[in-house]
Amino acid sequence: MEQARPAAADENVVYIGAKPPMSYVLAVVTQFSNGAKEVRIKARGNAISRAVQVAEIVRNRFLPGLKPAEVGISSEELESARGGTSRVPSIQITLVKV
């Protein structure tokens, strides 16, 4: 039985979490090395500053031929452990090869 491929919208997306920034830099550089024309970096809450840092490290140190094509900000509603909801800011940075 063949395993289902992820939707095209989920390909070339790096989700930023609590790991050190260089872990995510490696993930972004790997995506471009595998032939991706664009990579999206997504983060929520406290990881937003780390996402910006990752994008800048990739652009300035590893792949200077990239440019940010789009930066989108929004907020998402998340369920809390207590049963309520809270709004959390999020960011999406799209880097493309020039």
C-alpha atoms as a PDB file:
ATOM      1  CA  MET A   1       0.000   0.000   0.000  1.00  0.00           C
ATOM      2  CA  GLU A   2       1.409   3.387  -0.991  1.00  0.00           C
ATOM      3  CA  GLN A   3       1.691   6.026   1.696  1.00  0.00           C
ATOM      4  CA  ALA A   4      -0.208   9.260   1.055  1.00  0.00           C
ATOM      5  CA  ARG A   5       1.920  12.274   0.154  1.00  0.00           C
ATOM      6  CA  PRO A   6       1.384  15.496   2.088  1.00  0.00           C
ATOM      7  CA  ALA A   7      -0.650  18.163   0.349  1.00  0.00           C
ATOM      8  CA  ALA A   8       1.320  20.557  -1.848  1.00  0.00           C
ATOM      9  CA  ALA A   9       0.514  23.348   0.606  1.00  0.00           C
ATOM     10  CA  ASP A  10       2.486  21.542   3.362  1.00  0.00           C
ATOM     11  CA  GLU A  11       5.587  20.913   1.261  1.00  0.00           C
ATOM     12  CA  ASN A  12       8.560  23.206   1.797  1.00  0.00           C
ATOM     13  CA  VAL A  13       7.241  24.513   5.115  1.00  0.00           C
ATOM     14  CA  VAL A  14       9.462  24.771   8.200  1.00  0.00           C
ATOM     15  CA  TYR A  15       7.582  25.127  11.486  1.00  0.00           C
ATOM     16  CA  ILE A  16       9.582  26.975  14.146  1.00  0.00           C
ATOM     17  CA  GLY A  17       9.455  25.743  17.726  1.00  0.00           C
ATOM     18  CA  ALA A  18      11.730  25.718  20.756  1.00  0.00           C
ATOM     19  CA  LYS A  19      14.905  24.241  19.206  1.00  0.00           C
ATOM     20  CA  PRO A  20      17.980  26.425  18.597  1.00  0.00           C
ATOM     21  CA  PRO A  21      17.744  28.572  15.447  1.00  0.00           C
ATOM     22  CA  MET A  22      20.512  26.681  13.627  1.00  0.00           C
ATOM     23  CA  SER A  23      18.345  23.542  13.602  1.00  0.00           C
ATOM     24  CA  TYR A  24      15.755  25.397  11.556  1.00  0.00           C
ATOM     25  CA  VAL A  25      18.404  27.104   9.394  1.00  0.00           C
ATOM     26  CA  LEU A  26      19.624  23.632   8.404  1.00  0.00           C
ATOM     27  CA  ALA A  27      16.050  22.602   7.545  1.00  0.00           C
ATOM     28  CA  VAL A  28      15.537  25.654   5.305  1.00  0.00           C
ATOM     29  CA  VAL A  29      18.909  25.258   3.556  1.00  0.00           C
ATOM     30  CA  THR A  30      18.154  21.551   3.002  1.00  0.00           C
ATOM     31  CA  GLN A  31      14.810  22.397   1.376  1.00  0.00           C
ATOM     32  CA  PHE A  32      16.516  24.748  -1.080  1.00  0.00           C
ATOM     33  CA  SER A  33      19.305  22.206  -1.720  1.00  0.00           C
ATOM     34  CA  ASN A  34      16.634  19.649  -2.636  1.00  0.00           C
ATOM     35  CA  GLY A  35      15.375  21.924  -5.401  1.00  0.00           C
ATOM     36  CA  ALA A  36      12.682  23.995  -3.723  1.00  0.00           C
ATOM     37  CA  LYS A  37      12.007  27.350  -5.391  1.00  0.00           C
ATOM     38  CA  GLU A  38      10.423  28.761  -2.221  1.00  0.00           C
ATOM     39  CA  VAL A  39      10.277  27.822   1.453  1.00  0.00           C
ATOM     40  CA  ARG A  40       7.760  29.050   4.026  1.00  0.00           C
ATOM     41  CA  ILE A  41       8.816  29.604   7.626  1.00  0.00           C
ATOM     42  CA  LYS A  42       5.909  29.535  10.074  1.00  0.00           C
ATOM     43  CA  ALA A  43       5.833  30.325  13.790  1.00  0.00           C
ATOM     44  CA  ARG A  44       3.418  31.224  16.584  1.00  0.00           C
ATOM     45  CA  GLY A  45       3.751  33.123  19.833  1.00  0.00           C
ATOM     46  CA  ASN A  46       7.187  33.318  21.391  1.00  0.00           C
ATOM     47  CA  ALA A  47       8.774  31.559  18.395  1.00  0.00           C
ATOM     48  CA  ILE A  48       8.083  34.521  16.079  1.00  0.00           C
ATOM     49  CA  SER A  49      11.388  36.228  16.877  1.00  0.00           C
ATOM     50  CA  ARG A  50      13.196  32.923  16.264  1.00  0.00           C
ATOM     51  CA  ALA A  51      11.509  32.653  12.830  1.00  0.00           C
ATOM     52  CA  VAL A  52      12.758  36.109  11.846  1.00  0.00           C
ATOM     53  CA  GLN A  53      16.218  35.201  13.107  1.00  0.00           C
ATOM     54  CA  VAL A  54      16.211  31.977  11.037  1.00  0.00           C
ATOM     55  CA  ALA A  55      15.181  33.833   7.876  1.00  0.00           C
ATOM     56  CA  GLU A  56      17.912  36.430   8.355  1.00  0.00           C
ATOM     57  CA  ILE A  57      20.635  33.853   9.084  1.00  0.00           C
ATOM     58  CA  VAL A  58      19.708  31.892   5.949  1.00  0.00           C
ATOM     59  CA  ARG A  59      19.667  35.038   3.774  1.00  0.00           C
ATOM     60  CA  ASN A  60      22.809  36.677   5.144  1.00  0.00           C
ATOM     61  CA  ARG A  61      25.130  33.732   5.843  1.00  0.00           C
ATOM     62  CA  PHE A  62      24.130  30.730   3.747  1.00  0.00           C
ATOM     63  CA  LEU A  63      22.033  31.665   0.701  1.00  0.00           C
ATOM     64  CA  PRO A  64      22.477  35.349  -0.158  1.00  0.00           C
ATOM     65  CA  GLY A  65      20.497  34.837  -3.386  1.00  0.00           C
ATOM     66  CA  LEU A  66      17.216  34.617  -1.458  1.00  0.00           C
ATOM     67  CA  LYS A  67      14.700  37.345  -0.821  1.00  0.00           C
ATOM     68  CA  PRO A  68      11.568  37.476   1.310  1.00  0.00           C
ATOM     69  CA  ALA A  69       8.643  37.344  -1.123  1.00  0.00           C
ATOM     70  CA  GLU A  70       5.923  37.640   1.475  1.00  0.00           C
ATOM     71  CA  VAL A  71       5.610  38.204   5.194  1.00  0.00           C
ATOM     72  CA  GLY A  72       2.201  37.598   6.670  1.00  0.00           C
ATOM     73  CA  ILE A  73       1.033  38.152  10.224  1.00  0.00           C
ATOM     74  CA  SER A  74      -2.183  36.979  11.811  1.00  0.00           C
ATOM     75  CA  SER A  75      -3.561  35.491  14.990  1.00  0.00           C
ATOM     76  CA  GLU A  76      -4.951  32.047  15.671  1.00  0.00           C
ATOM     77  CA  GLU A  77      -7.380  30.822  18.285  1.00  0.00           C
ATOM     78  CA  LEU A  78      -6.062  27.911  20.327  1.00  0.00           C
ATOM     79  CA  GLU A  79      -7.733  25.722  22.912  1.00  0.00           C
ATOM     80  CA  SER A  80      -6.181  26.103  26.338  1.00  0.00           C
ATOM     81  CA  ALA A  81      -5.669  23.257  28.782  1.00  0.00           C
ATOM     82  CA  ARG A  82      -8.422  24.705  30.975  1.00  0.00           C
ATOM     83  CA  GLY A  83     -11.010  24.426  28.223  1.00  0.00           C
ATOM     84  CA  GLY A  84     -11.059  28.056  27.113  1.00  0.00           C
ATOM     85  CA  THR A  85      -9.571  29.630  24.029  1.00  0.00           C
ATOM     86  CA  SER A  86      -6.839  32.186  23.583  1.00  0.00           C
ATOM     87  CA  ARG A  87      -5.600  34.182  20.612  1.00  0.00           C
ATOM     88  CA  VAL A  88      -1.954  33.672  19.672  1.00  0.00           C
ATOM     89  CA  PRO A  89      -0.054  35.769  17.111  1.00  0.00           C
ATOM     90  CA  SER A  90       1.513  33.964  14.143  1.00  0.00           C
ATOM     91  CA  ILE A  91       3.862  34.795  11.278  1.00  0.00           C
ATOM     92  CA  GLN A  92       4.620  33.263   7.884  1.00  0.00           C
ATOM     93  CA  ILE A  93       7.773  34.263   6.001  1.00  0.00           C
ATOM     94  CA  THR A  94       8.154  33.068   2.397  1.00  0.00           C
ATOM     95  CA  LEU A  95      11.716  32.996   1.048  1.00  0.00           C
ATOM     96  CA  VAL A  96      12.264  32.612  -2.715  1.00  0.00           C
ATOM     97  CA  LYS A  97      15.285  32.152  -4.955  1.00  0.00           C
ATOM     98  CA  VAL A  98      16.011  35.213  -7.072  1.00  0.00           C
END
